[in-house]
Amino acid sequence: MVLTPLPDSRTEPDGSAVIRVLSYNVRSMHDDTAALARVIRACAPDLVLVQEAPRFFRWRKAAARLARSSDLVVLSGGATAAGPLLLCSLRAAVERTEDVLLPLTPGLHRRGLATAVVRIGGVRLGVLSCHLSLQREERLAQAGMVLERLAAMGVEHAVAGGDLNDVPTGKAFRQLAGHLQDCRAVAPWGGELTFPPDEPRKRIDAVFATPGIEVLGCGVPDGLPGVSGADLRAATDHLPVLAALRVPAG
């Protein structure tokens, strides 16, 4: 299957920006990193919201290697955000970054947020990558913290995405979708289900956008030119979510 092309990244005459945002759980790059890089490059993203980036020995070198092999640069996150990482193209001018560690529940994995504010064309945009808890109540609380962090960025427009460990009918997913646009639901494109990659049964990965951003298409890029099913299965244990968005000029 060959997908209908998504709009290419560009800056419009009025200063608004068409951007591509990719959310991807990379399982600490324990799988086929060449396949992972091929998938990311074929998606031609302006921003990549990574989850489960390397967090331990020489993690910065691993993040830099992923960025370099994907024709991108490291923006923020990694071990300092407990796993979420932001990559960007040279199209993005960085205004500020902040890595946030969320409250630790004893006995559970530490979670965090990688955040940034960037400028693309005439657009000022907040960016956030998250990986929510496997535990239901903690996950719901973390969804609220994601919304609080977006509100505190001081920007009109923002995108957020990640591995939610929750399905669209779940409380945490619904809390986010109640305040933000669930880009896949607004403008379906490509595949829907994201986990596991061999025979996906669940949609637990998503890209969200604040109201006012126009969603042009969003989904799993299986069938996008340059993205093979073999690479998607070999790259990691999640399928990526790619969104094309038009962000109004500030």
C-alpha atoms as a PDB file:
ATOM      1  CA  MET A   1       0.000   0.000   0.000  1.00  0.00           C
ATOM      2  CA  VAL A   2       1.295   3.452  -0.930  1.00  0.00           C
ATOM      3  CA  LEU A   3      -0.010   6.260   1.237  1.00  0.00           C
ATOM      4  CA  THR A   4      -1.430   9.534   0.024  1.00  0.00           C
ATOM      5  CA  PRO A   5       1.472  11.973   0.507  1.00  0.00           C
ATOM      6  CA  LEU A   6       1.431  14.253   3.523  1.00  0.00           C
ATOM      7  CA  PRO A   7       2.184  17.926   2.867  1.00  0.00           C
ATOM      8  CA  ASP A   8       5.873  18.768   2.828  1.00  0.00           C
ATOM      9  CA  SER A   9       7.288  21.059   5.488  1.00  0.00           C
ATOM     10  CA  ARG A  10       7.239  24.675   4.404  1.00  0.00           C
ATOM     11  CA  THR A  11       6.719  28.238   5.553  1.00  0.00           C
ATOM     12  CA  GLU A  12       3.658  29.934   4.058  1.00  0.00           C
ATOM     13  CA  PRO A  13       3.670  33.566   2.803  1.00  0.00           C
ATOM     14  CA  ASP A  14       1.689  34.643   5.878  1.00  0.00           C
ATOM     15  CA  GLY A  15       4.387  33.242   8.193  1.00  0.00           C
ATOM     16  CA  SER A  16       2.454  30.138   9.216  1.00  0.00           C
ATOM     17  CA  ALA A  17       4.408  26.890   9.129  1.00  0.00           C
ATOM     18  CA  VAL A  18       3.546  23.434   7.870  1.00  0.00           C
ATOM     19  CA  ILE A  19       5.534  21.014  10.023  1.00  0.00           C
ATOM     20  CA  ARG A  20       5.949  17.284  10.420  1.00  0.00           C
ATOM     21  CA  VAL A  21       6.011  15.862  13.952  1.00  0.00           C
ATOM     22  CA  LEU A  22       7.015  12.255  14.664  1.00  0.00           C
ATOM     23  CA  SER A  23       6.471  10.424  17.958  1.00  0.00           C
ATOM     24  CA  TYR A  24       8.513   7.238  18.403  1.00  0.00           C
ATOM     25  CA  ASN A  25       9.340   4.859  21.270  1.00  0.00           C
ATOM     26  CA  VAL A  26      12.827   3.564  20.372  1.00  0.00           C
ATOM     27  CA  ARG A  27      13.311   1.022  23.214  1.00  0.00           C
ATOM     28  CA  SER A  28      16.699   2.435  24.220  1.00  0.00           C
ATOM     29  CA  MET A  29      18.013   1.701  20.702  1.00  0.00           C
ATOM     30  CA  HIS A  30      18.353  -2.001  21.543  1.00  0.00           C
ATOM     31  CA  ASP A  31      17.036  -3.073  18.141  1.00  0.00           C
ATOM     32  CA  ASP A  32      18.091  -2.359  14.542  1.00  0.00           C
ATOM     33  CA  THR A  33      19.368   1.212  14.694  1.00  0.00           C
ATOM     34  CA  ALA A  34      19.960   1.385  10.935  1.00  0.00           C
ATOM     35  CA  ALA A  35      16.299   0.505  10.328  1.00  0.00           C
ATOM     36  CA  LEU A  36      15.286   3.064  12.960  1.00  0.00           C
ATOM     37  CA  ALA A  37      17.253   5.808  11.228  1.00  0.00           C
ATOM     38  CA  ARG A  38      15.817   4.887   7.826  1.00  0.00           C
ATOM     39  CA  VAL A  39      12.265   5.168   9.156  1.00  0.00           C
ATOM     40  CA  ILE A  40      12.918   8.554  10.755  1.00  0.00           C
ATOM     41  CA  ARG A  41      14.643   9.970   7.671  1.00  0.00           C
ATOM     42  CA  ALA A  42      11.847   8.800   5.363  1.00  0.00           C
ATOM     43  CA  CYS A  43       9.298  10.630   7.532  1.00  0.00           C
ATOM     44  CA  ALA A  44      11.257  13.897   7.026  1.00  0.00           C
ATOM     45  CA  PRO A  45      10.244  15.301  10.434  1.00  0.00           C
ATOM     46  CA  ASP A  46      10.904  18.782  11.741  1.00  0.00           C
ATOM     47  CA  LEU A  47      10.457  17.512  15.301  1.00  0.00           C
ATOM     48  CA  VAL A  48      10.843  14.014  16.756  1.00  0.00           C
ATOM     49  CA  LEU A  49       9.322  13.216  20.145  1.00  0.00           C
ATOM     50  CA  VAL A  50      11.296  10.190  21.329  1.00  0.00           C
ATOM     51  CA  GLN A  51      10.459   7.885  24.220  1.00  0.00           C
ATOM     52  CA  GLU A  52      12.780   5.361  25.882  1.00  0.00           C
ATOM     53  CA  ALA A  53      15.907   7.097  24.667  1.00  0.00           C
ATOM     54  CA  PRO A  54      19.128   5.618  26.092  1.00  0.00           C
ATOM     55  CA  ARG A  55      19.477   6.658  29.755  1.00  0.00           C
ATOM     56  CA  PHE A  56      22.602   5.010  31.064  1.00  0.00           C
ATOM     57  CA  PHE A  57      26.221   4.468  29.993  1.00  0.00           C
ATOM     58  CA  ARG A  58      27.258   7.016  27.321  1.00  0.00           C
ATOM     59  CA  TRP A  59      23.646   7.975  26.715  1.00  0.00           C
ATOM     60  CA  ARG A  60      24.569  11.363  25.238  1.00  0.00           C
ATOM     61  CA  LYS A  61      26.703   9.694  22.581  1.00  0.00           C
ATOM     62  CA  ALA A  62      23.849   7.332  21.739  1.00  0.00           C
ATOM     63  CA  ALA A  63      21.405  10.239  21.394  1.00  0.00           C
ATOM     64  CA  ALA A  64      23.858  12.130  19.211  1.00  0.00           C
ATOM     65  CA  ARG A  65      24.358   9.029  17.054  1.00  0.00           C
ATOM     66  CA  LEU A  66      20.593   8.667  16.570  1.00  0.00           C
ATOM     67  CA  ALA A  67      20.289  12.341  15.632  1.00  0.00           C
ATOM     68  CA  ARG A  68      23.218  12.241  13.220  1.00  0.00           C
ATOM     69  CA  SER A  69      22.016   9.070  11.479  1.00  0.00           C
ATOM     70  CA  SER A  70      18.552  10.639  11.111  1.00  0.00           C
ATOM     71  CA  ASP A  71      19.859  13.960   9.711  1.00  0.00           C
ATOM     72  CA  LEU A  72      18.674  15.783  12.844  1.00  0.00           C
ATOM     73  CA  VAL A  73      20.138  17.369  15.971  1.00  0.00           C
ATOM     74  CA  VAL A  74      19.480  16.795  19.665  1.00  0.00           C
ATOM     75  CA  LEU A  75      17.167  19.410  21.118  1.00  0.00           C
ATOM     76  CA  SER A  76      16.537  18.307  24.705  1.00  0.00           C
ATOM     77  CA  GLY A  77      15.959  15.374  27.031  1.00  0.00           C
ATOM     78  CA  GLY A  78      17.378  11.884  27.397  1.00  0.00           C
ATOM     79  CA  ALA A  79      18.527  10.618  30.786  1.00  0.00           C
ATOM     80  CA  THR A  80      17.904  14.049  32.319  1.00  0.00           C
ATOM     81  CA  ALA A  81      14.195  13.609  31.478  1.00  0.00           C
ATOM     82  CA  ALA A  82      14.140   9.881  32.438  1.00  0.00           C
ATOM     83  CA  GLY A  83      13.859   8.787  28.809  1.00  0.00           C
ATOM     84  CA  PRO A  84      11.906  11.281  26.696  1.00  0.00           C
ATOM     85  CA  LEU A  85      14.102  13.023  24.115  1.00  0.00           C
ATOM     86  CA  LEU A  86      13.512  15.747  21.521  1.00  0.00           C
ATOM     87  CA  LEU A  87      15.236  15.865  18.129  1.00  0.00           C
ATOM     88  CA  CYS A  88      14.761  18.579  15.529  1.00  0.00           C
ATOM     89  CA  SER A  89      15.792  19.616  12.057  1.00  0.00           C
ATOM     90  CA  LEU A  90      17.871  22.724  11.423  1.00  0.00           C
ATOM     91  CA  ARG A  91      14.623  24.428  10.476  1.00  0.00           C
ATOM     92  CA  ALA A  92      13.878  24.890  14.183  1.00  0.00           C
ATOM     93  CA  ALA A  93      15.484  27.759  16.095  1.00  0.00           C
ATOM     94  CA  VAL A  94      15.663  26.938  19.791  1.00  0.00           C
ATOM     95  CA  GLU A  95      14.352  29.496  22.258  1.00  0.00           C
ATOM     96  CA  ARG A  96      14.626  27.418  25.422  1.00  0.00           C
ATOM     97  CA  THR A  97      14.563  23.844  26.725  1.00  0.00           C
ATOM     98  CA  GLU A  98      13.668  22.232  30.032  1.00  0.00           C
ATOM     99  CA  ASP A  99      13.820  18.633  31.223  1.00  0.00           C
ATOM    100  CA  VAL A 100      11.289  17.801  33.930  1.00  0.00           C
ATOM    101  CA  LEU A 101      11.381  14.848  36.331  1.00  0.00           C
ATOM    102  CA  LEU A 102       7.914  13.857  37.526  1.00  0.00           C
ATOM    103  CA  PRO A 103       7.227  12.760  41.129  1.00  0.00           C
ATOM    104  CA  LEU A 104       8.574   9.292  41.858  1.00  0.00           C
ATOM    105  CA  THR A 105       6.198   6.640  43.152  1.00  0.00           C
ATOM    106  CA  PRO A 106       8.201   4.131  45.241  1.00  0.00           C
ATOM    107  CA  GLY A 107       8.581   0.855  43.399  1.00  0.00           C
ATOM    108  CA  LEU A 108       7.683   2.318  40.007  1.00  0.00           C
ATOM    109  CA  HIS A 109       9.831   3.575  37.134  1.00  0.00           C
ATOM    110  CA  ARG A 110      10.868   7.246  37.202  1.00  0.00           C
ATOM    111  CA  ARG A 111       9.125   9.307  34.522  1.00  0.00           C
ATOM    112  CA  GLY A 112       9.835  12.714  33.036  1.00  0.00           C
ATOM    113  CA  LEU A 113       9.123  15.188  30.273  1.00  0.00           C
ATOM    114  CA  ALA A 114      11.399  16.632  27.604  1.00  0.00           C
ATOM    115  CA  THR A 115      10.182  20.116  26.676  1.00  0.00           C
ATOM    116  CA  ALA A 116      11.252  23.007  24.486  1.00  0.00           C
ATOM    117  CA  VAL A 117      10.036  26.191  22.858  1.00  0.00           C
ATOM    118  CA  VAL A 118      11.161  26.617  19.247  1.00  0.00           C
ATOM    119  CA  ARG A 119      10.605  29.017  16.380  1.00  0.00           C
ATOM    120  CA  ILE A 120       9.912  27.749  12.870  1.00  0.00           C
ATOM    121  CA  GLY A 121       9.253  30.403  10.235  1.00  0.00           C
ATOM    122  CA  GLY A 122       6.925  32.905  11.860  1.00  0.00           C
ATOM    123  CA  VAL A 123       5.739  30.351  14.422  1.00  0.00           C
ATOM    124  CA  ARG A 124       6.582  30.033  18.112  1.00  0.00           C
ATOM    125  CA  LEU A 125       5.795  26.506  19.279  1.00  0.00           C
ATOM    126  CA  GLY A 126       5.932  24.538  22.508  1.00  0.00           C
ATOM    127  CA  VAL A 127       7.075  20.907  22.212  1.00  0.00           C
ATOM    128  CA  LEU A 128       6.726  18.076  24.743  1.00  0.00           C
ATOM    129  CA  SER A 129       7.592  14.373  24.729  1.00  0.00           C
ATOM    130  CA  CYS A 130       6.238  12.046  27.412  1.00  0.00           C
ATOM    131  CA  HIS A 131       6.119   8.384  28.392  1.00  0.00           C
ATOM    132  CA  LEU A 132       3.331   7.749  30.883  1.00  0.00           C
ATOM    133  CA  SER A 133       3.208   5.154  33.628  1.00  0.00           C
ATOM    134  CA  LEU A 134       2.048   1.573  33.346  1.00  0.00           C
ATOM    135  CA  GLN A 135       0.108   2.088  36.589  1.00  0.00           C
ATOM    136  CA  ARG A 136      -3.389   3.484  36.017  1.00  0.00           C
ATOM    137  CA  GLU A 137      -3.647   6.088  38.775  1.00  0.00           C
ATOM    138  CA  GLU A 138      -0.100   7.362  38.328  1.00  0.00           C
ATOM    139  CA  ARG A 139      -0.676   7.555  34.578  1.00  0.00           C
ATOM    140  CA  LEU A 140      -3.781   9.678  35.061  1.00  0.00           C
ATOM    141  CA  ALA A 141      -1.903  12.041  37.385  1.00  0.00           C
ATOM    142  CA  GLN A 142       0.932  12.327  34.860  1.00  0.00           C
ATOM    143  CA  ALA A 143      -1.518  13.211  32.081  1.00  0.00           C
ATOM    144  CA  GLY A 144      -2.624  16.126  34.228  1.00  0.00           C
ATOM    145  CA  MET A 145       1.009  17.159  34.703  1.00  0.00           C
ATOM    146  CA  VAL A 146       1.502  17.146  30.925  1.00  0.00           C
ATOM    147  CA  LEU A 147      -1.398  19.583  30.556  1.00  0.00           C
ATOM    148  CA  GLU A 148      -0.055  21.758  33.377  1.00  0.00           C
ATOM    149  CA  ARG A 149       3.387  21.890  31.791  1.00  0.00           C
ATOM    150  CA  LEU A 150       1.964  22.857  28.394  1.00  0.00           C
ATOM    151  CA  ALA A 151      -0.084  25.631  30.010  1.00  0.00           C
ATOM    152  CA  ALA A 152       3.022  26.904  31.826  1.00  0.00           C
ATOM    153  CA  MET A 153       5.094  27.240  28.644  1.00  0.00           C
ATOM    154  CA  GLY A 154       3.629  30.631  27.830  1.00  0.00           C
ATOM    155  CA  VAL A 155       2.971  29.831  24.185  1.00  0.00           C
ATOM    156  CA  GLU A 156      -0.253  29.928  22.203  1.00  0.00           C
ATOM    157  CA  HIS A 157       0.521  26.814  20.186  1.00  0.00           C
ATOM    158  CA  ALA A 158       2.087  23.527  21.282  1.00  0.00           C
ATOM    159  CA  VAL A 159       2.445  19.895  20.284  1.00  0.00           C
ATOM    160  CA  ALA A 160       2.803  16.944  22.632  1.00  0.00           C
ATOM    161  CA  GLY A 161       3.208  13.274  22.003  1.00  0.00           C
ATOM    162  CA  GLY A 162       4.439  10.019  23.315  1.00  0.00           C
ATOM    163  CA  ASP A 163       3.839   6.524  24.533  1.00  0.00           C
ATOM    164  CA  LEU A 164       0.779   6.902  26.737  1.00  0.00           C
ATOM    165  CA  ASN A 165       0.516   3.265  27.858  1.00  0.00           C
ATOM    166  CA  ASP A 166      -3.201   3.895  27.460  1.00  0.00           C
ATOM    167  CA  VAL A 167      -5.808   3.436  24.731  1.00  0.00           C
ATOM    168  CA  PRO A 168      -8.213   6.155  23.490  1.00  0.00           C
ATOM    169  CA  THR A 169     -10.974   4.937  25.821  1.00  0.00           C
ATOM    170  CA  GLY A 170      -8.674   5.084  28.857  1.00  0.00           C
ATOM    171  CA  LYS A 171      -8.865   7.867  31.433  1.00  0.00           C
ATOM    172  CA  ALA A 172      -5.391   9.326  30.829  1.00  0.00           C
ATOM    173  CA  PHE A 173      -5.797   9.342  27.047  1.00  0.00           C
ATOM    174  CA  ARG A 174      -9.262  10.885  27.353  1.00  0.00           C
ATOM    175  CA  GLN A 175      -7.969  13.542  29.746  1.00  0.00           C
ATOM    176  CA  LEU A 176      -5.387  14.668  27.185  1.00  0.00           C
ATOM    177  CA  ALA A 177      -7.852  14.453  24.291  1.00  0.00           C
ATOM    178  CA  GLY A 178     -10.355  16.494  26.278  1.00  0.00           C
ATOM    179  CA  HIS A 179      -8.015  19.514  26.255  1.00  0.00           C
ATOM    180  CA  LEU A 180      -5.944  18.913  23.126  1.00  0.00           C
ATOM    181  CA  GLN A 181      -6.585  17.711  19.601  1.00  0.00           C
ATOM    182  CA  ASP A 182      -5.912  13.994  19.207  1.00  0.00           C
ATOM    183  CA  CYS A 183      -4.351  14.400  15.779  1.00  0.00           C
ATOM    184  CA  ARG A 184      -5.124  10.879  14.561  1.00  0.00           C
ATOM    185  CA  ALA A 185      -8.803  11.259  15.448  1.00  0.00           C
ATOM    186  CA  VAL A 186      -9.007  14.701  13.792  1.00  0.00           C
ATOM    187  CA  ALA A 187      -7.367  13.796  10.465  1.00  0.00           C
ATOM    188  CA  PRO A 188      -6.788  10.040  10.049  1.00  0.00           C
ATOM    189  CA  TRP A 189      -3.955   9.082   7.685  1.00  0.00           C
ATOM    190  CA  GLY A 190      -1.892   5.923   7.451  1.00  0.00           C
ATOM    191  CA  GLY A 191      -2.257   3.219  10.057  1.00  0.00           C
ATOM    192  CA  GLU A 192      -4.020   3.506  13.392  1.00  0.00           C
ATOM    193  CA  LEU A 193      -2.646   0.878  15.803  1.00  0.00           C
ATOM    194  CA  THR A 194       0.873   1.225  17.206  1.00  0.00           C
ATOM    195  CA  PHE A 195       1.649  -1.767  19.426  1.00  0.00           C
ATOM    196  CA  PRO A 196       3.096  -4.338  19.006  1.00  0.00           C
ATOM    197  CA  PRO A 197       4.719  -3.757  15.603  1.00  0.00           C
ATOM    198  CA  ASP A 198       4.291  -7.275  14.196  1.00  0.00           C
ATOM    199  CA  GLU A 199       0.520  -7.497  14.701  1.00  0.00           C
ATOM    200  CA  PRO A 200      -0.572  -4.187  16.237  1.00  0.00           C
ATOM    201  CA  ARG A 201      -3.628  -4.421  18.468  1.00  0.00           C
ATOM    202  CA  LYS A 202      -3.574  -1.149  20.421  1.00  0.00           C
ATOM    203  CA  ARG A 203      -3.218   2.578  19.779  1.00  0.00           C
ATOM    204  CA  ILE A 204      -1.124   3.662  22.758  1.00  0.00           C
ATOM    205  CA  ASP A 205       1.120   6.193  20.981  1.00  0.00           C
ATOM    206  CA  ALA A 206      -0.237   9.580  19.901  1.00  0.00           C
ATOM    207  CA  VAL A 207       0.469  13.134  18.828  1.00  0.00           C
ATOM    208  CA  PHE A 208      -1.631  15.959  20.277  1.00  0.00           C
ATOM    209  CA  ALA A 209      -1.911  19.611  19.283  1.00  0.00           C
ATOM    210  CA  THR A 210      -3.410  22.636  20.976  1.00  0.00           C
ATOM    211  CA  PRO A 211      -6.587  24.181  19.537  1.00  0.00           C
ATOM    212  CA  GLY A 212      -5.822  26.559  16.671  1.00  0.00           C
ATOM    213  CA  ILE A 213      -3.315  24.242  14.993  1.00  0.00           C
ATOM    214  CA  GLU A 214      -4.690  22.706  11.797  1.00  0.00           C
ATOM    215  CA  VAL A 215      -4.168  18.947  11.613  1.00  0.00           C
ATOM    216  CA  LEU A 216      -3.487  17.903   8.009  1.00  0.00           C
ATOM    217  CA  GLY A 217      -3.004  14.182   8.619  1.00  0.00           C
ATOM    218  CA  CYS A 218      -1.770  11.809  11.324  1.00  0.00           C
ATOM    219  CA  GLY A 219      -1.051   8.105  11.669  1.00  0.00           C
ATOM    220  CA  VAL A 220       1.439   5.277  11.383  1.00  0.00           C
ATOM    221  CA  PRO A 221       3.533   5.868   8.222  1.00  0.00           C
ATOM    222  CA  ASP A 222       3.422   2.257   7.018  1.00  0.00           C
ATOM    223  CA  GLY A 223       3.509   2.570   3.223  1.00  0.00           C
ATOM    224  CA  LEU A 224       5.131   5.994   3.167  1.00  0.00           C
ATOM    225  CA  PRO A 225       7.824   5.974   0.456  1.00  0.00           C
ATOM    226  CA  GLY A 226      11.059   4.853   2.076  1.00  0.00           C
ATOM    227  CA  VAL A 227       9.303   3.213   5.045  1.00  0.00           C
ATOM    228  CA  SER A 228       9.185  -0.575   4.746  1.00  0.00           C
ATOM    229  CA  GLY A 229       7.253  -2.969   6.920  1.00  0.00           C
ATOM    230  CA  ALA A 230      10.482  -4.841   7.577  1.00  0.00           C
ATOM    231  CA  ASP A 231      12.153  -1.690   8.925  1.00  0.00           C
ATOM    232  CA  LEU A 232       9.142  -0.841  11.095  1.00  0.00           C
ATOM    233  CA  ARG A 233       9.253  -4.296  12.663  1.00  0.00           C
ATOM    234  CA  ALA A 234      13.025  -4.300  13.098  1.00  0.00           C
ATOM    235  CA  ALA A 235      13.507  -0.766  14.433  1.00  0.00           C
ATOM    236  CA  THR A 236      11.833  -1.057  17.845  1.00  0.00           C
ATOM    237  CA  ASP A 237       8.798  -2.519  19.639  1.00  0.00           C
ATOM    238  CA  HIS A 238       6.405   0.362  18.802  1.00  0.00           C
ATOM    239  CA  LEU A 239       5.205   1.823  15.525  1.00  0.00           C
ATOM    240  CA  PRO A 240       5.785   5.564  15.045  1.00  0.00           C
ATOM    241  CA  VAL A 241       3.088   8.215  14.675  1.00  0.00           C
ATOM    242  CA  LEU A 242       3.631  10.959  12.088  1.00  0.00           C
ATOM    243  CA  ALA A 243       1.553  14.151  11.977  1.00  0.00           C
ATOM    244  CA  ALA A 244       1.498  17.006   9.479  1.00  0.00           C
ATOM    245  CA  LEU A 245       0.316  20.254  11.050  1.00  0.00           C
ATOM    246  CA  ARG A 246      -0.204  23.849   9.990  1.00  0.00           C
ATOM    247  CA  VAL A 247       0.682  26.211  12.834  1.00  0.00           C
ATOM    248  CA  PRO A 248      -0.525  29.821  12.595  1.00  0.00           C
ATOM    249  CA  ALA A 249       2.028  32.603  12.697  1.00  0.00           C
ATOM    250  CA  GLY A 250       2.471  34.256  16.060  1.00  0.00           C
END
